[in-house]
């Protein structure tokens, strides 16, 4: 039996230029492996956190915040059919 410590095994994959460009934009100093892995990990972010990462304009953010505040004021009733 052989024991290998600290050996990183890698695989070569092929992706389209479009996918490569998208990954390259998202990596922000991370490796491609870390970037791809982060796309599949569960996020604990709220929908507003995700939208904030998109850096939308201020009026869009305000309209979303107002919509969420409005939902808090609603009183929903459970009905049976």
C-alpha atoms as a PDB file:
ATOM      1  CA  UNK A   1       0.000   0.000   0.000  1.00  0.00           C
ATOM      2  CA  UNK A   2       1.325   3.438  -0.930  1.00  0.00           C
ATOM      3  CA  UNK A   3       0.600   6.609   0.984  1.00  0.00           C
ATOM      4  CA  UNK A   4       0.822   9.928  -0.807  1.00  0.00           C
ATOM      5  CA  UNK A   5       0.757  13.010   1.341  1.00  0.00           C
ATOM      6  CA  UNK A   6       0.348  16.471  -0.132  1.00  0.00           C
ATOM      7  CA  UNK A   7      -0.185  15.269  -3.678  1.00  0.00           C
ATOM      8  CA  UNK A   8      -2.733  17.278  -5.629  1.00  0.00           C
ATOM      9  CA  UNK A   9      -4.320  15.358  -8.437  1.00  0.00           C
ATOM     10  CA  UNK A  10      -5.820  17.485 -11.164  1.00  0.00           C
ATOM     11  CA  UNK A  11      -8.003  16.836 -14.165  1.00  0.00           C
ATOM     12  CA  UNK A  12      -8.068  18.655 -17.455  1.00  0.00           C
ATOM     13  CA  UNK A  13     -11.490  19.786 -18.628  1.00  0.00           C
ATOM     14  CA  UNK A  14     -12.627  21.637 -21.724  1.00  0.00           C
ATOM     15  CA  UNK A  15     -15.016  24.563 -21.534  1.00  0.00           C
ATOM     16  CA  UNK A  16     -16.252  26.984 -24.146  1.00  0.00           C
ATOM     17  CA  UNK A  17     -14.697  30.432 -24.451  1.00  0.00           C
ATOM     18  CA  UNK A  18     -17.933  31.870 -23.063  1.00  0.00           C
ATOM     19  CA  UNK A  19     -17.748  29.718 -19.906  1.00  0.00           C
ATOM     20  CA  UNK A  20     -14.023  30.419 -19.490  1.00  0.00           C
ATOM     21  CA  UNK A  21     -14.665  34.159 -19.696  1.00  0.00           C
ATOM     22  CA  UNK A  22     -17.480  33.968 -17.151  1.00  0.00           C
ATOM     23  CA  UNK A  23     -15.338  31.975 -14.709  1.00  0.00           C
ATOM     24  CA  UNK A  24     -12.386  34.298 -15.195  1.00  0.00           C
ATOM     25  CA  UNK A  25     -14.565  37.300 -14.306  1.00  0.00           C
ATOM     26  CA  UNK A  26     -15.855  35.595 -11.140  1.00  0.00           C
ATOM     27  CA  UNK A  27     -12.599  34.252  -9.761  1.00  0.00           C
ATOM     28  CA  UNK A  28     -11.318  37.480  -8.145  1.00  0.00           C
ATOM     29  CA  UNK A  29      -7.909  36.093  -7.240  1.00  0.00           C
ATOM     30  CA  UNK A  30      -9.197  32.605  -6.398  1.00  0.00           C
ATOM     31  CA  UNK A  31      -8.297  29.505  -8.358  1.00  0.00           C
ATOM     32  CA  UNK A  32     -10.653  28.211 -11.020  1.00  0.00           C
ATOM     33  CA  UNK A  33     -11.334  25.178  -8.784  1.00  0.00           C
ATOM     34  CA  UNK A  34     -12.341  27.411  -5.866  1.00  0.00           C
ATOM     35  CA  UNK A  35     -14.490  29.510  -8.173  1.00  0.00           C
ATOM     36  CA  UNK A  36     -16.323  26.509  -9.617  1.00  0.00           C
ATOM     37  CA  UNK A  37     -16.780  24.985  -6.151  1.00  0.00           C
ATOM     38  CA  UNK A  38     -18.267  28.238  -4.836  1.00  0.00           C
ATOM     39  CA  UNK A  39     -20.921  28.102  -7.560  1.00  0.00           C
ATOM     40  CA  UNK A  40     -22.193  24.794  -6.157  1.00  0.00           C
ATOM     41  CA  UNK A  41     -21.969  25.468  -2.431  1.00  0.00           C
ATOM     42  CA  UNK A  42     -25.132  26.357  -0.591  1.00  0.00           C
ATOM     43  CA  UNK A  43     -25.358  30.007   0.227  1.00  0.00           C
ATOM     44  CA  UNK A  44     -26.679  31.496   3.445  1.00  0.00           C
ATOM     45  CA  UNK A  45     -27.286  34.784   1.671  1.00  0.00           C
ATOM     46  CA  UNK A  46     -30.722  36.319   1.507  1.00  0.00           C
ATOM     47  CA  UNK A  47     -32.176  37.292  -1.859  1.00  0.00           C
ATOM     48  CA  UNK A  48     -31.320  40.928  -1.075  1.00  0.00           C
ATOM     49  CA  UNK A  49     -27.682  39.951  -0.386  1.00  0.00           C
ATOM     50  CA  UNK A  50     -27.441  38.231  -3.744  1.00  0.00           C
ATOM     51  CA  UNK A  51     -28.945  41.217  -5.542  1.00  0.00           C
ATOM     52  CA  UNK A  52     -26.559  43.567  -3.718  1.00  0.00           C
ATOM     53  CA  UNK A  53     -23.655  41.545  -5.152  1.00  0.00           C
ATOM     54  CA  UNK A  54     -24.921  42.487  -8.629  1.00  0.00           C
ATOM     55  CA  UNK A  55     -24.380  46.167  -7.746  1.00  0.00           C
ATOM     56  CA  UNK A  56     -27.752  47.376  -9.060  1.00  0.00           C
ATOM     57  CA  UNK A  57     -28.636  51.055  -9.249  1.00  0.00           C
ATOM     58  CA  UNK A  58     -30.039  52.815  -6.193  1.00  0.00           C
ATOM     59  CA  UNK A  59     -33.639  53.113  -7.439  1.00  0.00           C
ATOM     60  CA  UNK A  60     -33.829  49.360  -8.064  1.00  0.00           C
ATOM     61  CA  UNK A  61     -32.574  48.630  -4.547  1.00  0.00           C
ATOM     62  CA  UNK A  62     -35.067  51.065  -3.010  1.00  0.00           C
ATOM     63  CA  UNK A  63     -37.986  49.535  -4.917  1.00  0.00           C
ATOM     64  CA  UNK A  64     -37.025  46.050  -3.710  1.00  0.00           C
ATOM     65  CA  UNK A  65     -36.667  47.218  -0.126  1.00  0.00           C
ATOM     66  CA  UNK A  66     -40.089  48.859  -0.325  1.00  0.00           C
ATOM     67  CA  UNK A  67     -41.605  45.671  -1.738  1.00  0.00           C
ATOM     68  CA  UNK A  68     -40.140  43.588   1.101  1.00  0.00           C
ATOM     69  CA  UNK A  69     -41.370  46.092   3.692  1.00  0.00           C
ATOM     70  CA  UNK A  70     -44.825  46.013   2.121  1.00  0.00           C
ATOM     71  CA  UNK A  71     -44.923  42.221   2.371  1.00  0.00           C
ATOM     72  CA  UNK A  72     -44.273  42.422   6.117  1.00  0.00           C
ATOM     73  CA  UNK A  73     -47.491  44.412   6.548  1.00  0.00           C
ATOM     74  CA  UNK A  74     -49.663  41.838   4.806  1.00  0.00           C
ATOM     75  CA  UNK A  75     -51.757  39.506   6.874  1.00  0.00           C
ATOM     76  CA  UNK A  76     -52.107  36.199   5.100  1.00  0.00           C
ATOM     77  CA  UNK A  77     -54.782  33.666   5.966  1.00  0.00           C
ATOM     78  CA  UNK A  78     -54.586  29.944   5.415  1.00  0.00           C
ATOM     79  CA  UNK A  79     -57.589  28.618   3.544  1.00  0.00           C
ATOM     80  CA  UNK A  80     -58.583  25.065   2.833  1.00  0.00           C
ATOM     81  CA  UNK A  81     -60.021  23.786  -0.411  1.00  0.00           C
END
